[in-house]
PDB file of N, CA and C in Angstrom:
ATOM      1  N   MET A   1      81.513 100.990  96.449  1.00  0.00           N
ATOM      2  CA  MET A   1      82.488 100.767  95.505  1.00  0.00           C
ATOM      3  C   MET A   1      82.323  99.279  95.003  1.00  0.00           C
ATOM      4  N   LYS A   2      82.430  99.099  93.804  1.00  0.00           N
ATOM      5  CA  LYS A   2      82.390  97.832  93.229  1.00  0.00           C
ATOM      6  C   LYS A   2      83.761  97.497  92.488  1.00  0.00           C
ATOM      7  N   LEU A   3      84.127  96.305  92.604  1.00  0.00           N
ATOM      8  CA  LEU A   3      85.272  95.931  91.976  1.00  0.00           C
ATOM      9  C   LEU A   3      84.914  95.044  90.645  1.00  0.00           C
ATOM     10  N   SER A   4      85.375  95.559  89.594  1.00  0.00           N
ATOM     11  CA  SER A   4      85.001  94.917  88.251  1.00  0.00           C
ATOM     12  C   SER A   4      86.218  94.743  87.547  1.00  0.00           C
ATOM     13  N   THR A   5      86.058  93.993  86.320  1.00  0.00           N
ATOM     14  CA  THR A   5      87.130  93.754  85.390  1.00  0.00           C
ATOM     15  C   THR A   5      87.614  95.158  84.930  1.00  0.00           C
ATOM     16  N   LYS A   6      86.571  96.006  84.682  1.00  0.00           N
ATOM     17  CA  LYS A   6      86.913  97.420  84.065  1.00  0.00           C
ATOM     18  C   LYS A   6      87.850  98.180  85.020  1.00  0.00           C
ATOM     19  N   GLY A   7      87.490  97.953  86.400  1.00  0.00           N
ATOM     20  CA  GLY A   7      88.319  98.743  87.251  1.00  0.00           C
ATOM     21  C   GLY A   7      89.771  98.116  87.574  1.00  0.00           C
ATOM     22  N   ARG A   8      89.801  96.857  87.546  1.00  0.00           N
ATOM     23  CA  ARG A   8      91.068  96.225  87.541  1.00  0.00           C
ATOM     24  C   ARG A   8      92.027  96.524  86.355  1.00  0.00           C
ATOM     25  N   TYR A   9      91.379  96.453  85.173  1.00  0.00           N
ATOM     26  CA  TYR A   9      92.143  96.966  84.030  1.00  0.00           C
ATOM     27  C   TYR A   9      92.612  98.380  83.990  1.00  0.00           C
ATOM     28  N   ALA A  10      91.742  99.214  84.578  1.00  0.00           N
ATOM     29  CA  ALA A  10      92.110 100.646  84.591  1.00  0.00           C
ATOM     30  C   ALA A  10      93.267 100.754  85.583  1.00  0.00           C
ATOM     31  N   VAL A  11      93.288 100.069  86.640  1.00  0.00           N
ATOM     32  CA  VAL A  11      94.318 100.201  87.744  1.00  0.00           C
ATOM     33  C   VAL A  11      95.647  99.652  87.011  1.00  0.00           C
ATOM     34  N   THR A  12      95.619  98.547  86.376  1.00  0.00           N
ATOM     35  CA  THR A  12      96.727  98.060  85.640  1.00  0.00           C
ATOM     36  C   THR A  12      97.240  99.031  84.585  1.00  0.00           C
ATOM     37  N   ALA A  13      96.494  99.565  83.947  1.00  0.00           N
ATOM     38  CA  ALA A  13      96.864 100.479  82.808  1.00  0.00           C
ATOM     39  C   ALA A  13      97.382 101.723  83.456  1.00  0.00           C
ATOM     40  N   VAL A  14      96.920 102.250  84.504  1.00  0.00           N
ATOM     41  CA  VAL A  14      97.470 103.484  85.125  1.00  0.00           C
ATOM     42  C   VAL A  14      98.793 103.090  85.818  1.00  0.00           C
ATOM     43  N   MET A  15      98.947 101.957  86.326  1.00  0.00           N
ATOM     44  CA  MET A  15     100.285 101.619  86.890  1.00  0.00           C
ATOM     45  C   MET A  15     101.193 101.455  85.818  1.00  0.00           C
ATOM     46  N   ASP A  16     100.843 100.980  84.679  1.00  0.00           N
ATOM     47  CA  ASP A  16     101.792 100.821  83.536  1.00  0.00           C
ATOM     48  C   ASP A  16     102.331 102.352  83.284  1.00  0.00           C
ATOM     49  N   LEU A  17     101.304 103.215  83.262  1.00  0.00           N
ATOM     50  CA  LEU A  17     101.584 104.650  82.890  1.00  0.00           C
ATOM     51  C   LEU A  17     102.556 105.222  84.012  1.00  0.00           C
ATOM     52  N   VAL A  18     102.345 104.891  85.239  1.00  0.00           N
ATOM     53  CA  VAL A  18     103.297 105.344  86.366  1.00  0.00           C
ATOM     54  C   VAL A  18     104.527 104.950  86.185  1.00  0.00           C
ATOM     55  N   LEU A  19     104.836 103.721  85.781  1.00  0.00           N
ATOM     56  CA  LEU A  19     106.004 102.973  85.817  1.00  0.00           C
ATOM     57  C   LEU A  19     106.789 103.426  84.535  1.00  0.00           C
ATOM     58  N   HIS A  20     106.172 103.966  83.450  1.00  0.00           N
ATOM     59  CA  HIS A  20     106.858 104.154  82.143  1.00  0.00           C
ATOM     60  C   HIS A  20     106.816 105.720  81.727  1.00  0.00           C
ATOM     61  N   GLN A  21     106.224 106.593  82.609  1.00  0.00           N
ATOM     62  CA  GLN A  21     106.075 108.047  82.202  1.00  0.00           C
ATOM     63  C   GLN A  21     107.203 108.884  82.464  1.00  0.00           C
ATOM     64  N   GLN A  22     108.293 108.355  82.912  1.00  0.00           N
ATOM     65  CA  GLN A  22     109.466 109.109  83.250  1.00  0.00           C
ATOM     66  C   GLN A  22     110.018 109.969  82.224  1.00  0.00           C
ATOM     67  N   GLN A  23     110.289 109.389  81.007  1.00  0.00           N
ATOM     68  CA  GLN A  23     111.030 110.220  80.047  1.00  0.00           C
ATOM     69  C   GLN A  23     110.074 110.815  78.968  1.00  0.00           C
ATOM     70  N   HIS A  24     108.979 110.240  78.757  1.00  0.00           N
ATOM     71  CA  HIS A  24     108.010 110.784  77.733  1.00  0.00           C
ATOM     72  C   HIS A  24     106.619 110.272  78.012  1.00  0.00           C
ATOM     73  N   PRO A  25     105.513 110.905  77.427  1.00  0.00           N
ATOM     74  CA  PRO A  25     104.176 110.244  77.582  1.00  0.00           C
ATOM     75  C   PRO A  25     104.195 108.885  77.135  1.00  0.00           C
ATOM     76  N   VAL A  26     103.272 108.111  77.617  1.00  0.00           N
ATOM     77  CA  VAL A  26     103.170 106.699  77.280  1.00  0.00           C
ATOM     78  C   VAL A  26     101.856 106.394  76.337  1.00  0.00           C
ATOM     79  N   THR A  27     101.995 105.840  75.242  1.00  0.00           N
ATOM     80  CA  THR A  27     101.060 105.504  74.291  1.00  0.00           C
ATOM     81  C   THR A  27     100.101 104.372  74.773  1.00  0.00           C
ATOM     82  N   LEU A  28      98.983 104.543  74.423  1.00  0.00           N
ATOM     83  CA  LEU A  28      98.009 103.429  74.775  1.00  0.00           C
ATOM     84  C   LEU A  28      98.355 102.010  74.026  1.00  0.00           C
ATOM     85  N   SER A  29      98.879 102.218  72.790  1.00  0.00           N
ATOM     86  CA  SER A  29      99.568 101.066  72.115  1.00  0.00           C
ATOM     87  C   SER A  29     100.611 100.320  72.890  1.00  0.00           C
ATOM     88  N   ASP A  30     101.360 101.118  73.452  1.00  0.00           N
ATOM     89  CA  ASP A  30     102.434 100.595  74.443  1.00  0.00           C
ATOM     90  C   ASP A  30     101.874  99.819  75.557  1.00  0.00           C
ATOM     91  N   ILE A  31     100.823 100.520  76.145  1.00  0.00           N
ATOM     92  CA  ILE A  31     100.283  99.793  77.257  1.00  0.00           C
ATOM     93  C   ILE A  31      99.574  98.596  76.874  1.00  0.00           C
ATOM     94  N   SER A  32      98.822  98.600  75.743  1.00  0.00           N
ATOM     95  CA  SER A  32      98.219  97.534  75.209  1.00  0.00           C
ATOM     96  C   SER A  32      99.148  96.297  74.977  1.00  0.00           C
ATOM     97  N   ARG A  33     100.283  96.539  74.450  1.00  0.00           N
ATOM     98  CA  ARG A  33     101.222  95.526  74.151  1.00  0.00           C
ATOM     99  C   ARG A  33     101.834  94.938  75.470  1.00  0.00           C
ATOM    100  N   ARG A  34     102.186  95.808  76.330  1.00  0.00           N
ATOM    101  CA  ARG A  34     102.836  95.283  77.726  1.00  0.00           C
ATOM    102  C   ARG A  34     101.713  94.564  78.457  1.00  0.00           C
ATOM    103  N   GLN A  35     100.557  95.049  78.533  1.00  0.00           N
ATOM    104  CA  GLN A  35      99.572  94.590  79.508  1.00  0.00           C
ATOM    105  C   GLN A  35      98.541  93.539  78.864  1.00  0.00           C
ATOM    106  N   GLY A  36      98.495  93.444  77.644  1.00  0.00           N
ATOM    107  CA  GLY A  36      97.682  92.425  76.976  1.00  0.00           C
ATOM    108  C   GLY A  36      96.133  92.930  77.021  1.00  0.00           C
ATOM    109  N   ILE A  37      95.910  94.311  77.066  1.00  0.00           N
ATOM    110  CA  ILE A  37      94.588  94.814  77.024  1.00  0.00           C
ATOM    111  C   ILE A  37      94.334  95.411  75.696  1.00  0.00           C
ATOM    112  N   SER A  38      93.244  95.159  75.144  1.00  0.00           N
ATOM    113  CA  SER A  38      92.991  95.626  73.883  1.00  0.00           C
ATOM    114  C   SER A  38      93.049  97.267  73.613  1.00  0.00           C
ATOM    115  N   LEU A  39      93.440  97.657  72.658  1.00  0.00           N
ATOM    116  CA  LEU A  39      93.557  99.222  72.340  1.00  0.00           C
ATOM    117  C   LEU A  39      92.243  99.830  72.495  1.00  0.00           C
ATOM    118  N   SER A  40      91.270  99.255  72.036  1.00  0.00           N
ATOM    119  CA  SER A  40      89.902  99.818  72.032  1.00  0.00           C
ATOM    120  C   SER A  40      89.375  99.977  73.384  1.00  0.00           C
ATOM    121  N   TYR A  41      89.666  98.936  74.160  1.00  0.00           N
ATOM    122  CA  TYR A  41      89.182  98.996  75.542  1.00  0.00           C
ATOM    123  C   TYR A  41      89.976 100.018  76.421  1.00  0.00           C
ATOM    124  N   LEU A  42      91.250 100.167  76.047  1.00  0.00           N
ATOM    125  CA  LEU A  42      91.916 101.171  76.792  1.00  0.00           C
ATOM    126  C   LEU A  42      91.581 102.657  76.447  1.00  0.00           C
ATOM    127  N   GLU A  43      91.186 102.868  75.262  1.00  0.00           N
ATOM    128  CA  GLU A  43      90.696 104.039  74.760  1.00  0.00           C
ATOM    129  C   GLU A  43      89.402 104.464  75.537  1.00  0.00           C
ATOM    130  N   GLN A  44      88.456 103.485  75.839  1.00  0.00           N
ATOM    131  CA  GLN A  44      87.348 103.775  76.576  1.00  0.00           C
ATOM    132  C   GLN A  44      87.645 104.023  78.099  1.00  0.00           C
ATOM    133  N   LEU A  45      88.707 103.245  78.577  1.00  0.00           N
ATOM    134  CA  LEU A  45      89.028 103.528  79.969  1.00  0.00           C
ATOM    135  C   LEU A  45      89.625 104.906  80.192  1.00  0.00           C
ATOM    136  N   PHE A  46      90.510 105.247  79.222  1.00  0.00           N
ATOM    137  CA  PHE A  46      91.211 106.504  79.341  1.00  0.00           C
ATOM    138  C   PHE A  46      90.403 107.653  79.086  1.00  0.00           C
ATOM    139  N   SER A  47      89.258 107.499  78.324  1.00  0.00           N
ATOM    140  CA  SER A  47      88.325 108.573  78.203  1.00  0.00           C
ATOM    141  C   SER A  47      87.653 108.850  79.592  1.00  0.00           C
ATOM    142  N   HIS A  48      87.459 107.826  80.405  1.00  0.00           N
ATOM    143  CA  HIS A  48      86.872 108.002  81.717  1.00  0.00           C
ATOM    144  C   HIS A  48      87.871 108.768  82.536  1.00  0.00           C
ATOM    145  N   LEU A  49      89.110 108.206  82.553  1.00  0.00           N
ATOM    146  CA  LEU A  49      90.159 108.629  83.404  1.00  0.00           C
ATOM    147  C   LEU A  49      90.512 110.196  83.043  1.00  0.00           C
ATOM    148  N   ARG A  50      90.467 110.573  81.744  1.00  0.00           N
ATOM    149  CA  ARG A  50      90.630 111.932  81.339  1.00  0.00           C
ATOM    150  C   ARG A  50      89.567 112.797  81.854  1.00  0.00           C
ATOM    151  N   ARG A  51      88.200 112.474  81.842  1.00  0.00           N
ATOM    152  CA  ARG A  51      87.226 113.218  82.301  1.00  0.00           C
ATOM    153  C   ARG A  51      87.269 113.395  83.778  1.00  0.00           C
ATOM    154  N   ALA A  52      87.729 112.328  84.450  1.00  0.00           N
ATOM    155  CA  ALA A  52      87.895 112.437  85.919  1.00  0.00           C
ATOM    156  C   ALA A  52      89.131 113.268  86.401  1.00  0.00           C
ATOM    157  N   GLY A  53      89.888 113.746  85.405  1.00  0.00           N
ATOM    158  CA  GLY A  53      91.165 114.588  85.656  1.00  0.00           C
ATOM    159  C   GLY A  53      92.283 113.795  86.263  1.00  0.00           C
ATOM    160  N   LEU A  54      92.427 112.515  86.012  1.00  0.00           N
ATOM    161  CA  LEU A  54      93.515 111.692  86.347  1.00  0.00           C
ATOM    162  C   LEU A  54      94.571 111.660  85.455  1.00  0.00           C
ATOM    163  N   VAL A  55      94.278 111.616  84.163  1.00  0.00           N
ATOM    164  CA  VAL A  55      95.421 111.480  83.159  1.00  0.00           C
ATOM    165  C   VAL A  55      95.217 112.836  82.245  1.00  0.00           C
ATOM    166  N   GLN A  56      96.261 113.094  81.593  1.00  0.00           N
ATOM    167  CA  GLN A  56      96.126 114.297  80.463  1.00  0.00           C
ATOM    168  C   GLN A  56      96.771 113.546  79.210  1.00  0.00           C
ATOM    169  N   GLY A  57      96.098 113.789  78.050  1.00  0.00           N
ATOM    170  CA  GLY A  57      96.604 113.287  76.874  1.00  0.00           C
ATOM    171  C   GLY A  57      97.340 114.489  76.159  1.00  0.00           C
ATOM    172  N   MET A  58      98.427 113.918  75.401  1.00  0.00           N
ATOM    173  CA  MET A  58      99.169 114.808  74.621  1.00  0.00           C
ATOM    174  C   MET A  58      99.289 114.384  73.235  1.00  0.00           C
ATOM    175  N   ARG A  59      98.906 115.214  72.396  1.00  0.00           N
ATOM    176  CA  ARG A  59      98.812 114.949  70.898  1.00  0.00           C
ATOM    177  C   ARG A  59     100.005 115.197  70.184  1.00  0.00           C
ATOM    178  N   GLY A  60     100.113 114.627  68.984  1.00  0.00           N
ATOM    179  CA  GLY A  60     101.120 114.832  68.004  1.00  0.00           C
ATOM    180  C   GLY A  60     102.363 113.848  68.215  1.00  0.00           C
ATOM    181  N   PRO A  61     103.365 114.095  67.540  1.00  0.00           N
ATOM    182  CA  PRO A  61     104.583 113.065  67.486  1.00  0.00           C
ATOM    183  C   PRO A  61     105.066 113.143  69.033  1.00  0.00           C
ATOM    184  N   GLY A  62     105.369 111.983  69.495  1.00  0.00           N
ATOM    185  CA  GLY A  62     105.767 111.939  70.929  1.00  0.00           C
ATOM    186  C   GLY A  62     104.745 111.968  71.900  1.00  0.00           C
ATOM    187  N   GLY A  63     103.471 112.024  71.514  1.00  0.00           N
ATOM    188  CA  GLY A  63     102.296 112.197  72.326  1.00  0.00           C
ATOM    189  C   GLY A  63     101.893 110.890  73.101  1.00  0.00           C
ATOM    190  N   GLY A  64     101.011 110.854  73.875  1.00  0.00           N
ATOM    191  CA  GLY A  64     100.567 109.765  74.826  1.00  0.00           C
ATOM    192  C   GLY A  64      99.920 110.405  75.914  1.00  0.00           C
ATOM    193  N   TYR A  65      99.937 109.693  76.954  1.00  0.00           N
ATOM    194  CA  TYR A  65      99.378 110.144  78.358  1.00  0.00           C
ATOM    195  C   TYR A  65     100.403 110.163  79.433  1.00  0.00           C
ATOM    196  N   ARG A  66     100.144 110.999  80.340  1.00  0.00           N
ATOM    197  CA  ARG A  66     100.747 111.226  81.614  1.00  0.00           C
ATOM    198  C   ARG A  66      99.648 111.315  82.778  1.00  0.00           C
ATOM    199  N   LEU A  67     100.023 111.106  83.855  1.00  0.00           N
ATOM    200  CA  LEU A  67      99.195 111.378  85.057  1.00  0.00           C
ATOM    201  C   LEU A  67      99.002 112.851  85.189  1.00  0.00           C
ATOM    202  N   ALA A  68      97.957 113.248  85.499  1.00  0.00           N
ATOM    203  CA  ALA A  68      97.500 114.620  85.674  1.00  0.00           C
ATOM    204  C   ALA A  68      98.156 115.170  86.897  1.00  0.00           C
ATOM    205  N   ARG A  69      98.174 114.349  87.913  1.00  0.00           N
ATOM    206  CA  ARG A  69      98.738 114.726  89.182  1.00  0.00           C
ATOM    207  C   ARG A  69      99.953 113.747  89.678  1.00  0.00           C
ATOM    208  N   SER A  70     100.554 114.049  90.635  1.00  0.00           N
ATOM    209  CA  SER A  70     101.569 113.160  91.002  1.00  0.00           C
ATOM    210  C   SER A  70     101.059 111.710  91.550  1.00  0.00           C
ATOM    211  N   ALA A  71     101.915 110.702  91.338  1.00  0.00           N
ATOM    212  CA  ALA A  71     101.309 109.469  91.895  1.00  0.00           C
ATOM    213  C   ALA A  71     101.032 109.366  93.211  1.00  0.00           C
ATOM    214  N   GLU A  72     101.550 110.186  94.163  1.00  0.00           N
ATOM    215  CA  GLU A  72     101.408 110.151  95.478  1.00  0.00           C
ATOM    216  C   GLU A  72      99.974 110.707  95.800  1.00  0.00           C
ATOM    217  N   ASP A  73      99.495 111.567  94.903  1.00  0.00           N
ATOM    218  CA  ASP A  73      98.310 112.238  95.081  1.00  0.00           C
ATOM    219  C   ASP A  73      97.069 111.510  94.438  1.00  0.00           C
ATOM    220  N   VAL A  74      97.191 110.388  93.796  1.00  0.00           N
ATOM    221  CA  VAL A  74      96.183 109.559  93.212  1.00  0.00           C
ATOM    222  C   VAL A  74      95.976 108.273  93.917  1.00  0.00           C
ATOM    223  N   SER A  75      94.717 107.989  94.301  1.00  0.00           N
ATOM    224  CA  SER A  75      94.517 106.687  95.002  1.00  0.00           C
ATOM    225  C   SER A  75      94.003 105.694  94.101  1.00  0.00           C
ATOM    226  N   VAL A  76      94.114 104.414  94.355  1.00  0.00           N
ATOM    227  CA  VAL A  76      93.490 103.262  93.752  1.00  0.00           C
ATOM    228  C   VAL A  76      92.053 103.495  93.581  1.00  0.00           C
ATOM    229  N   ALA A  77      91.415 103.899  94.702  1.00  0.00           N
ATOM    230  CA  ALA A  77      89.887 104.077  94.710  1.00  0.00           C
ATOM    231  C   ALA A  77      89.545 105.200  93.560  1.00  0.00           C
ATOM    232  N   GLU A  78      90.255 106.153  93.477  1.00  0.00           N
ATOM    233  CA  GLU A  78      90.000 107.174  92.453  1.00  0.00           C
ATOM    234  C   GLU A  78      89.922 106.703  91.108  1.00  0.00           C
ATOM    235  N   VAL A  79      90.829 105.789  90.750  1.00  0.00           N
ATOM    236  CA  VAL A  79      91.064 105.149  89.540  1.00  0.00           C
ATOM    237  C   VAL A  79      89.835 104.385  89.281  1.00  0.00           C
ATOM    238  N   ILE A  80      89.541 103.462  90.200  1.00  0.00           N
ATOM    239  CA  ILE A  80      88.253 102.474  89.983  1.00  0.00           C
ATOM    240  C   ILE A  80      87.010 103.313  89.803  1.00  0.00           C
ATOM    241  N   THR A  81      86.863 104.308  90.766  1.00  0.00           N
ATOM    242  CA  THR A  81      85.608 105.120  90.697  1.00  0.00           C
ATOM    243  C   THR A  81      85.503 106.018  89.346  1.00  0.00           C
ATOM    244  N   ALA A  82      86.538 106.271  88.780  1.00  0.00           N
ATOM    245  CA  ALA A  82      86.570 107.067  87.528  1.00  0.00           C
ATOM    246  C   ALA A  82      85.889 106.151  86.297  1.00  0.00           C
ATOM    247  N   VAL A  83      86.303 104.820  86.380  1.00  0.00           N
ATOM    248  CA  VAL A  83      85.811 103.978  85.318  1.00  0.00           C
ATOM    249  C   VAL A  83      84.461 103.206  85.662  1.00  0.00           C
ATOM    250  N   ASP A  84      84.229 102.975  86.871  1.00  0.00           N
ATOM    251  CA  ASP A  84      83.078 102.204  87.445  1.00  0.00           C
ATOM    252  C   ASP A  84      81.936 103.092  87.839  1.00  0.00           C
ATOM    253  N   GLY A  85      82.311 104.415  88.305  1.00  0.00           N
ATOM    254  CA  GLY A  85      81.393 105.151  89.085  1.00  0.00           C
ATOM    255  C   GLY A  85      81.160 104.694  90.520  1.00  0.00           C
ATOM    256  N   PRO A  86      80.602 105.617  91.347  1.00  0.00           N
ATOM    257  CA  PRO A  86      80.415 105.163  92.773  1.00  0.00           C
ATOM    258  C   PRO A  86      79.188 104.116  92.838  1.00  0.00           C
ATOM    259  N   ILE A  87      79.314 103.221  93.647  1.00  0.00           N
ATOM    260  CA  ILE A  87      78.294 102.129  93.638  1.00  0.00           C
ATOM    261  C   ILE A  87      76.880 102.752  94.093  1.00  0.00           C
ATOM    262  N   ASP A  88      75.870 102.364  93.555  1.00  0.00           N
ATOM    263  CA  ASP A  88      74.666 102.907  93.870  1.00  0.00           C
ATOM    264  C   ASP A  88      73.873 101.856  94.675  1.00  0.00           C
ATOM    265  N   MET A  89      73.604 102.117  95.878  1.00  0.00           N
ATOM    266  CA  MET A  89      72.958 101.060  96.801  1.00  0.00           C
ATOM    267  C   MET A  89      71.511 101.418  96.957  1.00  0.00           C
ATOM    268  N   ASP A  90      70.936 102.367  96.163  1.00  0.00           N
ATOM    269  CA  ASP A  90      69.641 102.806  96.354  1.00  0.00           C
ATOM    270  C   ASP A  90      68.782 101.653  95.624  1.00  0.00           C
ATOM    271  N   GLY A  91      67.435 101.877  95.668  1.00  0.00           N
ATOM    272  CA  GLY A  91      66.604 100.824  95.032  1.00  0.00           C
ATOM    273  C   GLY A  91      66.125  99.930  96.096  1.00  0.00           C
ATOM    274  N   ASP A  92      65.826  98.685  95.559  1.00  0.00           N
ATOM    275  CA  ASP A  92      65.110  97.730  96.595  1.00  0.00           C
ATOM    276  C   ASP A  92      66.190  97.327  97.599  1.00  0.00           C
ATOM    277  N   ARG A  93      65.607  97.334  98.873  1.00  0.00           N
ATOM    278  CA  ARG A  93      66.639  97.007  99.945  1.00  0.00           C
ATOM    279  C   ARG A  93      66.342  95.555 100.157  1.00  0.00           C
ATOM    280  N   CYS A  94      67.403  94.755 100.026  1.00  0.00           N
ATOM    281  CA  CYS A  94      67.386  93.173 100.339  1.00  0.00           C
ATOM    282  C   CYS A  94      67.788  93.172 101.799  1.00  0.00           C
ATOM    283  N   LEU A  95      67.783  91.846 102.283  1.00  0.00           N
ATOM    284  CA  LEU A  95      68.119  91.483 103.621  1.00  0.00           C
ATOM    285  C   LEU A  95      69.405  91.830 104.077  1.00  0.00           C
ATOM    286  N   THR A  96      70.416  91.902 103.018  1.00  0.00           N
ATOM    287  CA  THR A  96      71.702  92.052 103.285  1.00  0.00           C
ATOM    288  C   THR A  96      72.280  93.437 102.861  1.00  0.00           C
ATOM    289  N   HIS A  97      71.302  94.331 102.537  1.00  0.00           N
ATOM    290  CA  HIS A  97      71.726  95.662 101.980  1.00  0.00           C
ATOM    291  C   HIS A  97      72.605  96.293 102.911  1.00  0.00           C
ATOM    292  N   ASP A  98      72.552  96.380 104.226  1.00  0.00           N
ATOM    293  CA  ASP A  98      73.333  97.092 104.942  1.00  0.00           C
ATOM    294  C   ASP A  98      74.900  96.564 105.142  1.00  0.00           C
ATOM    295  N   LEU A  99      74.888  95.248 104.967  1.00  0.00           N
ATOM    296  CA  LEU A  99      76.121  94.450 105.006  1.00  0.00           C
ATOM    297  C   LEU A  99      76.895  95.033 103.697  1.00  0.00           C
ATOM    298  N   TRP A 100      76.351  94.956 102.513  1.00  0.00           N
ATOM    299  CA  TRP A 100      77.032  95.217 101.350  1.00  0.00           C
ATOM    300  C   TRP A 100      77.303  96.719 101.246  1.00  0.00           C
ATOM    301  N   ASP A 101      76.553  97.515 101.826  1.00  0.00           N
ATOM    302  CA  ASP A 101      76.821  98.972 101.880  1.00  0.00           C
ATOM    303  C   ASP A 101      77.944  99.244 102.902  1.00  0.00           C
ATOM    304  N   GLU A 102      78.064  98.557 103.852  1.00  0.00           N
ATOM    305  CA  GLU A 102      79.172  98.788 104.861  1.00  0.00           C
ATOM    306  C   GLU A 102      80.465  98.196 104.225  1.00  0.00           C
ATOM    307  N   LEU A 103      80.372  97.051 103.550  1.00  0.00           N
ATOM    308  CA  LEU A 103      81.490  96.506 102.915  1.00  0.00           C
ATOM    309  C   LEU A 103      82.040  97.342 101.763  1.00  0.00           C
ATOM    310  N   SER A 104      81.100  97.932 101.016  1.00  0.00           N
ATOM    311  CA  SER A 104      81.528  98.806 100.065  1.00  0.00           C
ATOM    312  C   SER A 104      82.331 100.067 100.670  1.00  0.00           C
ATOM    313  N   GLY A 105      81.766 100.675 101.687  1.00  0.00           N
ATOM    314  CA  GLY A 105      82.392 101.680 102.227  1.00  0.00           C
ATOM    315  C   GLY A 105      83.818 101.400 102.969  1.00  0.00           C
ATOM    316  N   GLN A 106      83.970 100.162 103.398  1.00  0.00           N
ATOM    317  CA  GLN A 106      85.220  99.759 103.944  1.00  0.00           C
ATOM    318  C   GLN A 106      86.287  99.696 102.830  1.00  0.00           C
ATOM    319  N   LEU A 107      85.958  99.090 101.808  1.00  0.00           N
ATOM    320  CA  LEU A 107      86.661  98.776 100.455  1.00  0.00           C
ATOM    321  C   LEU A 107      87.077 100.053 100.060  1.00  0.00           C
ATOM    322  N   HIS A 108      86.300 101.067  99.917  1.00  0.00           N
ATOM    323  CA  HIS A 108      86.560 102.389  99.208  1.00  0.00           C
ATOM    324  C   HIS A 108      87.719 103.068 100.243  1.00  0.00           C
ATOM    325  N   GLU A 109      87.446 102.941 101.447  1.00  0.00           N
ATOM    326  CA  GLU A 109      88.327 103.522 102.500  1.00  0.00           C
ATOM    327  C   GLU A 109      89.698 102.806 102.364  1.00  0.00           C
ATOM    328  N   LEU A 110      89.805 101.591 102.230  1.00  0.00           N
ATOM    329  CA  LEU A 110      91.034 100.900 102.145  1.00  0.00           C
ATOM    330  C   LEU A 110      91.759 101.331 100.896  1.00  0.00           C
ATOM    331  N   LEU A 111      91.095 101.417  99.725  1.00  0.00           N
ATOM    332  CA  LEU A 111      91.682 101.654  98.453  1.00  0.00           C
ATOM    333  C   LEU A 111      92.043 103.137  98.443  1.00  0.00           C
ATOM    334  N   SER A 112      91.420 103.947  99.180  1.00  0.00           N
ATOM    335  CA  SER A 112      91.748 105.407  99.170  1.00  0.00           C
ATOM    336  C   SER A 112      92.910 105.655  99.788  1.00  0.00           C
ATOM    337  N   ASP A 113      93.438 104.798 100.703  1.00  0.00           N
ATOM    338  CA  ASP A 113      94.611 104.892 101.487  1.00  0.00           C
ATOM    339  C   ASP A 113      95.941 104.376 100.651  1.00  0.00           C
ATOM    340  N   ILE A 114      95.652 103.788  99.456  1.00  0.00           N
ATOM    341  CA  ILE A 114      96.722 103.153  98.705  1.00  0.00           C
ATOM    342  C   ILE A 114      96.897 104.210  97.579  1.00  0.00           C
ATOM    343  N   SER A 115      97.913 104.892  97.408  1.00  0.00           N
ATOM    344  CA  SER A 115      98.380 105.701  96.237  1.00  0.00           C
ATOM    345  C   SER A 115      99.085 104.833  95.169  1.00  0.00           C
ATOM    346  N   LEU A 116      99.012 105.568  93.985  1.00  0.00           N
ATOM    347  CA  LEU A 116      99.714 104.896  92.951  1.00  0.00           C
ATOM    348  C   LEU A 116     101.170 104.717  93.179  1.00  0.00           C
ATOM    349  N   ALA A 117     101.706 105.747  93.851  1.00  0.00           N
ATOM    350  CA  ALA A 117     103.211 105.680  94.287  1.00  0.00           C
ATOM    351  C   ALA A 117     103.580 104.488  95.146  1.00  0.00           C
ATOM    352  N   SER A 118     102.693 104.320  96.118  1.00  0.00           N
ATOM    353  CA  SER A 118     103.008 103.239  97.077  1.00  0.00           C
ATOM    354  C   SER A 118     102.857 101.916  96.345  1.00  0.00           C
ATOM    355  N   LEU A 119     101.847 101.814  95.573  1.00  0.00           N
ATOM    356  CA  LEU A 119     101.800 100.606  94.697  1.00  0.00           C
ATOM    357  C   LEU A 119     103.025 100.487  93.876  1.00  0.00           C
ATOM    358  N   ALA A 120     103.458 101.465  93.190  1.00  0.00           N
ATOM    359  CA  ALA A 120     104.674 101.340  92.496  1.00  0.00           C
ATOM    360  C   ALA A 120     105.842 100.855  93.188  1.00  0.00           C
ATOM    361  N   GLU A 121     106.014 101.370  94.456  1.00  0.00           N
ATOM    362  CA  GLU A 121     107.041 100.937  95.287  1.00  0.00           C
ATOM    363  C   GLU A 121     107.070  99.443  95.611  1.00  0.00           C
ATOM    364  N   ARG A 122     105.719  99.070  95.863  1.00  0.00           N
ATOM    365  CA  ARG A 122     105.694  97.542  96.135  1.00  0.00           C
ATOM    366  C   ARG A 122     106.025  96.782  94.842  1.00  0.00           C
ATOM    367  N   GLU A 123     105.699  97.155  93.711  1.00  0.00           N
ATOM    368  CA  GLU A 123     105.976  96.427  92.543  1.00  0.00           C
ATOM    369  C   GLU A 123     107.555  96.422  92.335  1.00  0.00           C
ATOM    370  N   ALA A 124     108.108  97.529  92.650  1.00  0.00           N
ATOM    371  CA  ALA A 124     109.643  97.626  92.577  1.00  0.00           C
ATOM    372  C   ALA A 124     110.354  96.690  93.554  1.00  0.00           C
ATOM    373  N   GLN A 125     109.793  96.586  94.788  1.00  0.00           N
ATOM    374  CA  GLN A 125     110.331  95.710  95.695  1.00  0.00           C
ATOM    375  C   GLN A 125     110.240  94.147  95.379  1.00  0.00           C
ATOM    376  N   ILE A 126     108.995  93.787  94.748  1.00  0.00           N
ATOM    377  CA  ILE A 126     108.829  92.508  94.252  1.00  0.00           C
ATOM    378  C   ILE A 126     109.888  92.115  93.152  1.00  0.00           C
ATOM    379  N   GLU A 127     110.005  92.993  92.288  1.00  0.00           N
ATOM    380  CA  GLU A 127     110.980  92.844  91.081  1.00  0.00           C
ATOM    381  C   GLU A 127     112.453  92.599  91.620  1.00  0.00           C
ATOM    382  N   GLN A 128     112.838  93.213  92.606  1.00  0.00           N
ATOM    383  CA  GLN A 128     114.164  93.080  93.145  1.00  0.00           C
ATOM    384  C   GLN A 128     114.562  91.672  93.496  1.00  0.00           C
TER     385      GLN A 128
END
């Protein structure tokens, strides 16, 4: 697993979705305004998230996006992998290949254990 700006923005955008989807679907323009992420970049990210089955788009008036599954069932690792893809450690082996491969596995394991719901709970506790 690799950590990139794309993955960070995807997690930020999906967390915004989690925190604001209670009454109605969330528009990308609302996420863009609240999080300072360009609308065109969000469209690219949500295309990947939709293909991965993590979000659902709803068209028409009052449309926007919702999580496709409950926040308890979606991990941070899934969001990052949806936009960045799995890290490919094939190719030329360098002296530290095994180190980076192991680190990548541990990072994926750690982020797989963090659900969007638990991340939202942490955020709510910080705001109090």
